Protein backbone atom coordinates (compact mmCIF):
# COMPACT_ATOMS: atom_id res chain seq x y z
CA MET A 1 19.78 35.88 109.28
CA ALA A 2 16.34 36.18 107.68
CA ARG A 3 17.34 39.34 105.85
CA GLY A 4 20.55 37.75 104.52
CA TYR A 5 18.63 34.65 103.41
CA SER A 6 16.03 36.82 101.66
CA ILE A 7 18.71 38.75 99.78
CA SER A 8 20.45 35.51 98.78
CA VAL A 9 17.21 34.02 97.43
CA SER A 10 16.48 37.27 95.59
CA ARG A 11 19.90 37.17 93.94
CA GLY A 12 19.39 33.55 92.95
CA LEU A 13 16.05 34.33 91.34
CA ALA A 14 17.56 37.31 89.53
CA SER A 15 20.30 35.06 88.12
CA LEU A 16 17.70 32.54 86.95
CA ARG A 17 15.64 35.26 85.28
CA ALA A 18 18.77 36.55 83.54
CA ARG A 19 19.53 33.10 82.10
CA ILE A 20 15.96 32.69 80.86
CA ALA A 21 16.02 36.17 79.34
CA GLY A 22 19.33 35.43 77.61
CA THR A 23 17.82 32.37 75.95
CA TRP A 24 14.93 34.51 74.67
CA TYR A 25 17.22 37.30 73.41
CA ARG A 26 19.29 34.82 71.40
CA GLY A 27 16.19 33.34 69.79
CA ALA A 28 15.04 33.96 66.21
CA LEU A 29 11.76 35.64 67.22
CA TYR A 30 13.44 38.29 69.37
CA GLN A 31 16.06 38.91 66.70
CA TRP A 32 13.25 39.39 64.16
CA GLN A 33 11.59 41.89 66.53
CA LEU A 34 14.77 43.97 66.66
CA GLY A 35 14.26 44.38 62.91
CA SER A 36 16.18 46.92 60.87
CA THR A 37 16.18 50.66 60.24
CA ARG A 38 15.72 52.85 57.19
CA ALA A 39 18.33 55.27 58.50
CA THR A 40 21.34 55.61 56.20
CA GLN A 41 23.20 58.41 57.93
CA VAL A 42 24.11 59.86 61.29
CA LEU A 43 22.56 63.30 61.86
CA LEU A 44 24.92 64.33 64.64
CA VAL A 45 28.40 63.27 65.73
CA PRO A 46 28.47 64.28 69.40
CA PRO A 47 31.48 66.15 70.77
CA ASP A 48 33.90 64.00 72.76
CA PRO A 49 36.02 66.04 75.20
CA TRP A 50 37.82 63.05 76.69
CA PRO A 51 41.30 62.44 75.22
CA GLY A 52 42.69 59.01 74.49
CA ASP A 53 46.13 57.66 75.31
CA SER A 54 48.37 57.50 72.26
CA GLU A 55 50.73 54.96 73.87
CA THR A 56 47.82 52.63 74.57
CA GLY A 57 46.66 53.16 71.00
CA LYS A 58 50.09 52.25 69.63
CA ALA A 59 50.09 49.13 71.80
CA ILE A 60 46.73 48.11 70.33
CA LEU A 61 48.16 48.63 66.83
CA ARG A 62 50.98 46.27 67.78
CA GLY A 63 48.44 43.72 68.99
CA ALA A 64 49.60 43.99 72.60
CA PHE A 65 46.12 43.68 74.07
CA ASN A 66 45.13 40.78 71.85
CA PHE A 67 41.63 42.16 71.31
CA ARG A 68 41.35 40.28 68.05
CA GLU A 69 42.83 36.98 69.24
CA GLU A 70 40.57 33.96 68.99
CA LYS A 71 41.05 33.18 72.68
CA ILE A 72 39.51 36.56 73.61
CA TRP A 73 36.89 37.15 70.96
CA ARG A 74 35.56 33.60 70.81
CA THR A 75 35.66 32.57 74.46
CA GLU A 76 32.37 32.43 76.33
CA GLU A 77 33.61 34.47 79.30
CA LEU A 78 34.79 37.63 77.58
CA PRO A 79 36.45 40.52 79.35
CA LEU A 80 34.11 43.51 79.26
CA GLU A 81 36.64 46.16 78.25
CA PRO A 82 36.91 45.36 74.51
CA HIS A 83 33.12 45.38 74.16
CA ASP A 84 32.66 49.02 75.20
CA PHE A 85 34.99 50.37 72.46
CA ALA A 86 36.25 53.16 74.72
CA TRP A 87 39.69 52.28 73.33
CA LEU A 88 38.67 53.91 70.01
CA ARG A 89 39.84 57.14 71.66
CA ASP A 90 43.28 55.59 72.10
CA LEU A 91 43.45 54.66 68.43
CA ARG A 92 42.31 58.19 67.53
CA ALA A 93 45.06 59.62 69.73
CA THR A 94 47.71 57.94 67.54
CA GLY A 95 46.67 60.27 64.69
CA SER A 96 47.29 57.50 62.18
CA ASP A 97 45.35 56.00 59.28
CA ALA A 98 46.40 52.61 60.60
CA GLY A 99 44.39 53.33 63.77
CA ARG A 100 41.36 54.31 61.71
CA ARG A 101 41.56 51.14 59.62
CA LEU A 102 42.00 48.94 62.68
CA GLY A 103 38.98 50.60 64.28
CA ARG A 104 36.84 49.74 61.23
CA GLU A 105 38.18 46.21 61.17
CA MET A 106 37.42 45.59 64.82
CA ILE A 107 33.93 47.08 64.60
CA SER A 108 33.17 44.83 61.63
CA ASP A 109 34.60 41.90 63.54
CA TRP A 110 32.39 42.68 66.54
CA ILE A 111 29.25 42.90 64.37
CA ASP A 112 30.09 39.56 62.75
CA ARG A 113 30.68 37.80 66.06
CA PHE A 114 28.39 39.54 68.51
CA GLY A 115 25.92 41.53 66.43
CA ARG A 116 22.97 39.33 67.41
CA TYR A 117 23.35 38.97 71.17
CA HIS A 118 25.94 38.15 73.81
CA HIS A 119 25.35 38.02 77.57
CA HIS A 120 28.34 40.27 78.34
CA GLY A 121 28.60 42.33 75.19
CA TRP A 122 24.91 43.25 75.25
CA ARG A 123 24.71 43.99 78.97
CA SER A 124 22.85 47.29 79.06
CA ASP A 125 25.61 49.52 80.45
CA ILE A 126 28.25 47.97 78.15
CA ALA A 127 25.98 48.22 75.11
CA ALA A 128 25.22 51.85 75.95
CA GLU A 129 28.90 52.71 76.25
CA ARG A 130 29.58 51.03 72.92
CA LEU A 131 26.80 53.03 71.23
CA VAL A 132 28.15 56.26 72.71
CA ASN A 133 31.67 55.49 71.48
CA TRP A 134 30.58 54.40 68.01
CA LEU A 135 28.57 57.60 67.60
CA SER A 136 31.10 60.02 69.09
CA GLN A 137 33.96 58.46 67.08
CA TYR A 138 31.87 57.95 63.94
CA ASP A 139 33.68 60.54 61.83
CA TYR A 140 37.03 59.13 62.88
CA PHE A 141 36.61 55.48 61.99
CA CYS A 142 34.17 55.95 59.09
CA ARG A 143 36.30 58.42 57.17
CA GLY A 144 37.46 56.57 54.10
CA GLY A 145 35.23 53.59 54.87
CA GLU A 146 32.91 52.01 52.34
CA GLU A 147 29.21 52.88 52.24
CA ARG A 148 28.36 49.26 53.04
CA PHE A 149 30.41 49.45 56.23
CA ARG A 150 28.65 52.64 57.34
CA GLY A 151 25.30 51.01 56.66
CA ARG A 152 26.20 47.98 58.77
CA VAL A 153 27.23 50.23 61.65
CA ILE A 154 23.98 52.22 61.54
CA GLN A 155 21.90 49.04 61.33
CA SER A 156 23.74 47.58 64.31
CA ILE A 157 23.30 50.79 66.32
CA ALA A 158 19.57 50.74 65.63
CA ARG A 159 19.23 47.09 66.70
CA GLN A 160 21.29 47.52 69.83
CA SER A 161 19.40 50.65 70.85
CA LYS A 162 16.05 48.88 70.42
CA HIS A 163 17.26 46.12 72.73
CA LEU A 164 18.61 48.72 75.15
CA ALA A 165 15.26 50.50 75.26
CA HIS A 166 13.60 47.17 75.99
CA VAL A 167 15.83 45.98 78.84
CA THR A 168 17.16 49.09 80.57
CA ARG A 169 14.47 49.57 83.18
CA LYS A 170 14.21 45.82 83.82
CA SER A 171 17.82 44.82 84.15
CA THR A 172 19.77 47.80 85.45
CA ARG A 173 19.88 50.16 88.38
CA GLY A 174 22.13 52.83 89.81
CA ALA A 175 25.26 53.73 87.85
CA LYS A 176 24.51 51.11 85.18
CA ARG A 177 21.08 52.60 84.56
CA VAL A 178 22.59 56.08 84.25
CA ARG A 179 24.96 54.73 81.60
CA ALA A 180 22.13 52.92 79.78
CA ALA A 181 19.97 56.04 79.75
CA LYS A 182 22.90 57.98 78.30
CA GLY A 183 23.13 55.48 75.45
CA LEU A 184 19.46 55.95 74.58
CA ILE A 185 19.86 59.73 74.64
CA TYR A 186 22.82 59.57 72.26
CA VAL A 187 20.98 57.35 69.78
CA GLY A 188 17.90 59.57 69.95
CA ALA A 189 19.98 62.65 69.23
CA CYS A 190 22.07 61.15 66.44
CA LEU A 191 19.84 58.90 64.31
CA PRO A 192 16.93 60.06 62.13
CA SER A 193 13.44 59.41 63.56
CA ALA A 194 14.94 58.19 66.84
CA GLN A 195 13.84 61.05 69.09
CA PRO A 196 11.56 58.78 71.17
CA ARG A 197 14.74 57.08 72.36
CA LEU A 198 16.05 60.45 73.56
CA TYR A 199 12.88 61.28 75.47
CA LYS A 200 12.75 57.83 77.04
CA GLY A 201 16.41 57.94 78.02
CA LEU A 202 16.12 61.43 79.48
CA ALA A 203 13.04 60.53 81.53
CA LEU A 204 14.82 57.44 82.82
CA LEU A 205 17.96 59.43 83.66
CA GLU A 206 16.06 62.15 85.50
CA HIS A 207 14.17 59.54 87.51
CA GLU A 208 17.44 57.85 88.46
CA ILE A 209 19.01 61.15 89.46
CA GLU A 210 16.10 62.06 91.71
CA HIS A 211 16.09 58.67 93.43
CA ARG A 212 19.75 57.61 93.45
CA ILE A 213 21.94 60.73 93.61
CA HIS A 214 21.76 62.11 97.11
CA ALA A 215 21.14 65.71 98.08
CA ASP A 216 24.83 65.97 99.07
CA GLY A 217 25.84 64.94 95.52
CA GLY A 218 26.99 61.40 96.21
CA ALA A 219 25.82 58.39 94.23
CA ALA A 220 24.05 55.59 96.11
CA GLU A 221 26.92 53.12 95.51
CA ARG A 222 29.31 55.27 97.61
CA CYS A 223 32.14 54.34 95.25
CA PRO A 224 34.50 57.19 94.25
CA THR A 225 35.29 55.62 90.85
CA LEU A 226 31.58 55.36 90.03
CA GLN A 227 31.07 58.91 91.30
CA HIS A 228 33.61 60.04 88.70
CA ALA A 229 32.03 57.92 85.94
CA ILE A 230 28.51 59.18 86.67
CA LEU A 231 29.65 62.79 86.64
CA ARG A 232 31.27 62.25 83.23
CA ASP A 233 28.08 60.65 81.94
CA LEU A 234 26.01 63.62 83.11
CA ILE A 235 28.42 66.06 81.48
CA ASP A 236 28.18 64.11 78.21
CA VAL A 237 24.37 64.14 78.33
CA ARG A 238 24.33 67.89 78.91
CA SER A 239 26.67 68.32 75.95
CA VAL A 240 24.71 66.12 73.52
CA LEU A 241 21.44 67.84 74.44
CA ALA A 242 23.00 71.21 73.62
CA SER A 243 24.56 69.92 70.38
CA SER A 244 21.22 68.52 69.20
CA HIS A 245 19.41 71.78 70.08
CA GLN A 246 17.28 70.10 72.73
CA ASP A 247 16.09 71.92 75.81
CA SER A 248 18.54 71.63 78.68
CA SER A 249 17.59 69.53 81.67
CA PRO A 250 17.55 71.35 85.03
CA VAL A 251 17.62 67.94 86.73
CA VAL A 252 20.83 66.94 84.94
CA GLN A 253 22.45 70.31 85.57
CA GLY A 254 21.49 70.21 89.23
CA ALA A 255 23.03 66.76 89.58
CA ILE A 256 26.27 67.99 87.99
CA ASP A 257 26.37 70.94 90.37
CA ARG A 258 26.02 68.58 93.36
CA ALA A 259 28.16 65.67 92.14
CA ALA A 260 31.28 67.67 91.23
CA PRO A 261 31.91 69.07 94.74
CA MET A 262 31.29 65.59 96.19
CA LEU A 263 33.93 64.18 93.82
CA ARG A 264 36.37 66.79 95.10
CA GLY A 265 35.64 65.53 98.59
CA MET A 266 36.82 62.04 97.64
CA ARG A 267 40.31 63.13 96.51
CA LEU A 268 43.58 62.64 98.35
CA GLY A 269 46.50 65.05 98.14
CA ASP A 270 47.85 63.39 94.98
CA GLY A 271 44.67 64.33 93.12
CA GLY A 272 43.51 60.73 92.88
CA LEU A 273 40.47 59.23 94.56
CA GLY A 274 40.14 57.43 97.86
CA VAL A 275 40.07 53.65 97.55
CA PHE A 276 36.67 52.75 98.99
CA ASN A 277 33.81 50.42 97.97
CA GLY A 278 35.26 49.06 94.75
CA GLY A 279 36.99 52.26 93.67
CA PHE A 280 40.51 52.89 92.37
CA GLU A 281 42.86 55.86 92.62
CA GLU A 282 42.25 56.84 88.97
CA GLN A 283 44.45 59.37 87.17
CA ASP A 284 44.53 62.87 88.63
CA TRP A 285 44.57 64.60 85.25
CA GLN A 286 41.40 62.82 84.19
CA ILE A 287 39.64 63.91 87.37
CA ASP A 288 40.89 67.47 86.82
CA LEU A 289 39.49 67.40 83.28
CA THR A 290 36.12 66.09 84.46
CA LEU A 291 35.82 68.76 87.12
CA ASN A 292 36.80 71.47 84.63
CA GLN A 293 34.23 70.20 82.13
CA SER A 294 31.56 70.22 84.83
CA GLY A 295 31.83 73.98 85.24
CA SER A 296 31.17 73.58 88.95
CA THR A 297 33.51 75.36 91.34
CA GLY A 298 31.81 74.35 94.59
CA ASN A 299 33.87 73.18 97.54
CA PRO A 300 33.45 69.64 98.92
CA PRO A 301 30.59 69.35 101.39
CA GLU A 302 32.07 69.53 104.88
CA HIS A 303 29.74 66.94 106.38
CA PRO A 304 27.93 64.95 103.66
CA PRO A 305 25.14 63.24 105.64
CA HIS A 306 24.16 60.69 102.97
CA THR A 307 27.43 59.79 101.25
CA GLY A 308 29.45 59.91 104.45
CA PHE A 309 33.00 60.56 103.23
CA GLN A 310 34.63 63.09 105.54
CA ARG A 311 37.59 64.96 104.06
CA VAL A 312 40.04 67.08 106.01
CA ALA A 313 42.77 69.07 104.24
CA ALA A 314 45.17 70.76 106.64
CA GLY A 315 48.58 72.05 105.62
CA ARG A 316 50.05 69.39 103.32
CA THR A 317 48.01 66.59 104.91
CA THR A 318 44.74 65.17 103.61
CA VAL A 319 42.59 62.62 105.42
CA VAL A 320 39.47 60.96 103.95
CA MET A 321 37.41 58.85 106.36
CA ASP A 322 34.42 56.64 105.60
CA THR A 323 31.71 57.45 108.16
CA GLY A 324 28.73 56.47 106.01
CA ALA A 325 26.37 53.52 106.16
CA PRO A 326 26.89 50.73 103.61
CA PRO A 327 25.18 51.23 100.24
CA PRO A 328 21.56 50.03 100.16
CA ALA A 329 20.58 46.70 98.65
CA GLY A 330 20.58 46.96 94.87
CA HIS A 331 23.50 49.39 94.91
CA ASP A 332 25.92 47.29 96.95
CA ASP A 333 27.46 45.04 94.28
CA LEU A 334 30.91 46.60 94.82
CA ALA A 335 30.48 47.39 98.53
CA HIS A 336 33.28 46.69 101.01
CA ALA A 337 33.11 46.04 104.75
CA GLY A 338 35.33 49.05 105.46
CA LEU A 339 33.31 51.03 108.01
CA LEU A 340 35.29 53.86 109.67
CA SER A 341 38.39 53.19 107.57
CA PHE A 342 40.51 56.13 106.48
CA GLU A 343 43.24 57.05 104.02
CA MET A 344 45.90 59.70 104.51
CA SER A 345 48.30 61.54 102.23
CA ALA A 346 51.10 64.03 102.83
CA GLY A 347 51.87 66.43 100.03
CA ARG A 348 51.10 64.60 96.79
CA VAL A 349 51.80 61.07 98.00
CA ARG A 350 49.80 58.51 100.01
CA LEU A 351 50.83 57.12 103.37
CA ILE A 352 47.88 55.20 104.89
CA VAL A 353 45.63 53.32 102.46
CA ASN A 354 43.00 50.63 102.14
CA CYS A 355 44.07 47.55 100.18
CA GLY A 356 41.73 48.29 97.30
CA SER A 357 39.71 46.44 94.72
CA HIS A 358 40.55 44.17 91.82
CA TRP A 359 39.70 44.85 88.19
CA LYS A 360 37.88 41.51 87.96
CA PRO A 361 34.91 41.96 90.33
CA ASN A 362 34.21 38.30 91.17
CA SER A 363 37.79 37.14 91.58
CA GLU A 364 39.29 35.87 94.82
CA TRP A 365 41.46 38.97 95.15
CA ALA A 366 38.43 41.19 94.66
CA PHE A 367 36.75 39.47 97.59
CA THR A 368 39.94 39.65 99.68
CA GLY A 369 40.06 43.41 99.10
CA ARG A 370 36.47 43.77 100.34
CA VAL A 371 36.91 42.23 103.79
CA SER A 372 37.21 44.46 106.85
CA ALA A 373 40.82 43.39 107.50
CA ALA A 374 41.83 44.88 104.13
CA HIS A 375 40.94 48.35 105.43
CA SER A 376 42.63 50.78 107.80
CA THR A 377 40.12 50.36 110.59
CA LEU A 378 39.37 48.24 113.68
CA ILE A 379 38.34 44.62 113.18
CA VAL A 380 36.81 42.36 115.84
CA ASP A 381 37.83 38.69 115.89
CA ASP A 382 38.84 38.89 112.22
CA ARG A 383 35.14 39.21 111.29
CA ASN A 384 33.54 41.57 108.76
CA SER A 385 31.51 44.55 109.92
CA SER A 386 29.01 43.70 107.16
CA GLN A 387 28.27 40.30 105.66
CA LEU A 388 29.91 39.97 102.24
CA TYR A 389 28.60 37.81 99.41
CA ARG A 390 31.38 36.40 97.25
CA ASN A 391 29.74 37.46 94.00
CA GLY A 392 29.13 40.99 95.23
CA GLY A 393 26.66 42.64 97.55
CA LEU A 394 26.00 42.63 101.27
CA GLY A 395 23.81 40.56 103.55
CA ARG A 396 23.76 41.50 107.22
CA ARG A 397 24.83 45.07 107.80
CA PRO A 398 24.99 47.51 110.73
CA ALA A 399 21.64 48.71 112.08
CA LYS A 400 23.11 52.01 113.20
CA VAL A 401 25.93 54.15 111.82
CA THR A 402 26.68 57.58 113.31
CA ALA A 403 28.90 60.47 112.24
CA GLU A 404 29.79 63.89 113.58
CA ARG A 405 32.31 66.58 112.67
CA LYS A 406 33.62 69.35 114.89
CA ASN A 407 35.91 72.30 114.20
CA ARG A 408 38.17 73.33 117.07
CA GLU A 409 40.31 76.44 116.59
CA GLY A 410 41.42 75.38 113.12
CA ALA A 411 41.70 71.70 113.97
CA VAL A 412 39.05 69.17 112.90
CA VAL A 413 37.64 66.19 114.82
CA ILE A 414 35.71 63.47 112.98
CA GLU A 415 33.71 60.99 115.03
CA GLY A 416 31.95 57.90 113.76
CA GLY A 417 30.43 54.73 115.11
CA HIS A 418 28.67 51.53 114.07
CA ASP A 419 27.18 48.38 115.57
CA GLY A 420 28.26 45.98 112.84
CA TYR A 421 29.84 43.63 115.40
CA GLY A 422 26.81 43.77 117.68
CA PRO A 423 25.08 40.52 116.66
CA ALA A 424 28.18 38.40 117.35
CA PHE A 425 29.84 40.22 120.25
CA ASP A 426 27.46 42.83 121.64
CA VAL A 427 29.99 45.59 120.98
CA VAL A 428 29.88 49.01 119.35
CA HIS A 429 32.92 50.48 117.59
CA LYS A 430 33.51 54.22 117.72
CA ARG A 431 36.41 56.04 116.12
CA ARG A 432 37.57 59.60 116.69
CA ILE A 433 40.24 61.21 114.47
CA TYR A 434 41.76 64.63 115.22
CA VAL A 435 43.69 66.54 112.55
CA SER A 436 45.65 69.59 113.69
CA SER A 437 45.40 72.89 111.83
CA ASN A 438 48.84 72.40 110.21
CA GLY A 439 48.18 68.72 109.40
CA GLU A 440 51.33 67.54 111.18
CA ASP A 441 49.52 65.90 114.10
CA VAL A 442 46.86 63.26 113.39
CA ARG A 443 45.51 61.54 116.50
CA GLY A 444 43.06 58.69 116.73
CA GLN A 445 41.03 56.90 119.35
CA ASP A 446 39.24 53.59 118.73
CA ILE A 447 36.68 52.69 121.39
CA LEU A 448 34.86 49.40 121.97
CA SER A 449 31.85 49.49 124.28
CA ARG A 450 28.73 47.52 125.12
CA PRO A 451 25.31 48.78 124.03
CA GLU A 452 22.97 49.81 126.86
CA LYS A 453 20.78 46.70 126.55
CA ALA A 454 23.58 44.20 126.04
CA ARG A 455 22.58 40.77 127.38
CA ARG A 456 26.07 39.31 127.33
CA ASN A 457 29.67 40.43 127.33
CA PRO A 458 31.81 37.86 125.49
CA ASP A 459 35.54 38.40 125.17
CA ALA A 460 36.40 39.94 121.81
CA ALA A 461 39.86 40.00 120.24
CA PHE A 462 40.47 43.08 118.09
CA ALA A 463 43.04 44.38 115.64
CA ILE A 464 43.44 47.97 114.44
CA ARG A 465 45.12 47.95 111.03
CA PHE A 466 46.99 50.74 109.25
CA HIS A 467 47.90 49.59 105.74
CA LEU A 468 50.88 51.46 104.30
CA HIS A 469 51.30 52.46 100.68
CA PRO A 470 53.88 50.25 98.90
CA ASP A 471 56.27 53.20 98.56
CA VAL A 472 56.32 53.83 102.32
CA THR A 473 59.44 52.59 104.13
CA ILE A 474 59.47 51.57 107.79
CA ASP A 475 62.70 53.01 109.17
CA SER A 476 62.77 51.89 112.82
CA MET A 477 60.71 50.77 115.82
CA SER A 478 61.38 51.76 119.45
CA MET A 479 59.88 52.18 122.93
CA TRP A 480 58.16 55.41 123.93
CA GLU A 481 59.06 57.13 127.19
CA THR A 482 55.64 56.38 128.68
CA GLY A 483 55.74 52.70 127.77
CA GLY A 484 54.15 52.87 124.35
CA ARG A 485 55.77 52.20 121.00
CA ILE A 486 57.04 54.35 118.14
CA ILE A 487 57.35 53.30 114.50
CA ASN A 488 59.26 55.68 112.24
CA PHE A 489 58.30 55.60 108.58
CA SER A 490 58.87 57.76 105.53
CA ARG A 491 58.14 58.19 101.86
CA PRO A 492 59.86 60.43 99.30
CA GLY A 493 57.72 63.52 98.85
CA ALA A 494 56.06 63.11 102.25
CA GLY A 495 59.02 63.36 104.61
CA SER A 496 59.43 61.39 107.82
CA TRP A 497 56.60 60.47 110.17
CA GLN A 498 56.15 58.70 113.51
CA PHE A 499 53.37 56.33 114.51
CA HIS A 500 52.79 56.40 118.29
CA THR A 501 50.63 54.15 120.41
CA GLU A 502 50.11 53.86 124.14
CA SER A 503 50.93 50.83 126.23
CA GLY A 504 48.37 48.10 126.77
CA VAL A 505 48.17 46.85 123.20
CA THR A 506 50.49 44.67 121.14
CA ILE A 507 52.02 46.45 118.16
CA GLY A 508 53.48 44.69 115.15
CA VAL A 509 54.27 45.04 111.48
CA GLU A 510 52.76 42.50 109.09
CA ASP A 511 52.65 41.82 105.37
CA SER A 512 49.87 43.39 103.32
CA PHE A 513 48.99 44.11 99.70
CA TYR A 514 47.77 47.06 97.64
CA GLN A 515 45.75 46.96 94.43
CA GLY A 516 44.13 50.39 94.40
CA GLY A 517 46.16 51.85 91.57
CA ARG A 518 45.07 49.63 88.62
CA THR A 519 48.74 48.68 88.18
CA GLY A 520 48.39 45.20 89.57
CA ARG A 521 48.79 43.89 93.08
CA GLN A 522 51.80 45.13 95.07
CA ARG A 523 53.32 43.88 98.28
CA THR A 524 53.35 46.27 101.19
CA ARG A 525 53.30 46.37 105.01
CA GLN A 526 50.79 47.23 107.69
CA ILE A 527 51.01 48.42 111.28
CA VAL A 528 48.75 46.34 113.53
CA LEU A 529 47.60 47.10 117.08
CA SER A 530 45.99 44.10 118.75
CA GLY A 531 44.35 43.37 122.06
CA GLU A 532 41.27 41.94 123.72
CA TYR A 533 38.08 43.55 124.96
CA ARG A 534 36.64 42.07 128.13
CA GLY A 535 33.90 43.00 130.55
CA THR A 536 31.40 45.84 130.29
CA GLU A 537 33.50 49.00 130.62
CA PRO A 538 34.54 50.74 127.38
CA ARG A 539 38.03 50.04 126.07
CA ALA A 540 39.85 52.88 124.28
CA VAL A 541 43.04 52.60 122.23
CA ARG A 542 44.84 55.83 121.42
CA TRP A 543 47.30 56.29 118.57
CA ALA A 544 48.90 59.17 116.71
CA ILE A 545 50.66 59.87 113.42
CA ARG A 546 52.99 62.87 113.65
CA ARG A 547 55.51 64.44 111.34
CA ARG A 548 59.07 64.05 112.59
């Protein structure tokens, strides 16, 4: 309780400091300190290997996203996406002069409306991404533009980068600090007399790598989507250093060499990412491109001790299980209470999933996707294995999380455990998943037990949830010969499968939802095993998923 209270107070103080700082940044004195620059040109336009989406660009040209509508640009609570200008790639992908002109118009509009300061638009990671996109797309949107327009852009870049240099170490950490450091490096490489920005950004980035990217290659947030984003940022930094004839950074290169194999270890059979800790599936071709650009060919770590995602690929089946401890305080804004959850695919389609995140981090559906019951794992008394704060982050969390992996004649056994339900119920949850060598037999065992020094043994209701992908169809449900139950389910591309469970638990099918694909929330179903744990002896529930 004391730890949770301390974290809550710390977050409250941080929010208060942010509001005070925002008042200062909007003031005339701070704006005067940002000053102006004598630079009149960009020395380097960095290479940009990431393609845009021409259909998205055409939609923007038609006004489909309403980026320029008063209700979006003038409202106080702005969506973050328009501010980062990553969509300039989409306009570029249209190959049209209309896209170029619209890009100039929207940049001018942004400078007019937000060129002084805005609490969202000038957030360090968003500002950094905007600077990167303005510089890497500079030739595209400035071609044919007036000299006055180019001057305004350069002046704005200089002012934003000065602010970024001032606030980055104070207001960011983790993935956001990596992004902010990247922005400083880009400005230092591209503007005249701005090299101090490059050196500062590189020092900051190398410090963050050494303290926040684990030896197994995983980022501290334990979020597959952020793992992908950080790897892309590191690749971009390596590229801009080479293009500006700066010495390469062994620290950056080493991080790329570690992070790329870890990203491979977070992929399901469809090439997308596992939906854990605020992550989304993402597009497989983008992940392929990132891994190709990394130049790293290393295989996923078999047993990543820090990041904790265990991946098994056998035959056409892929299983990714979360056996890691929750992200540490300061890196847990997106964290879920999904300990020992797993996802499973067959061929190039998903079968078992977690419910996933929501694009708006502080929304009700984002919180709903973070609770333990939104994951394919065991839940005690409908509680969370870690305490969740509604605006992101964790309070109470397990004191002990264990993981082990064993290879048995081609088959793989993953074992994990945690005491997240210990404070309320004096129970420990352990999960064991076996995957056969051909991937057609996946067996699980969920065990509840009392710790050695348990002082009480309260009854504890439990539910083991298996959320199904929306495209999975439940075909039938029947009794097993030994008294258990069988649920037959299928999905095109995966074939037909059977879910088996032994007698002694109640089995049912309930409604669920899925929002891991960035395509909006979808209705789906879940298989639920429920029962009650009583007494002091361990209680084990066995289940299996087998191809029919």
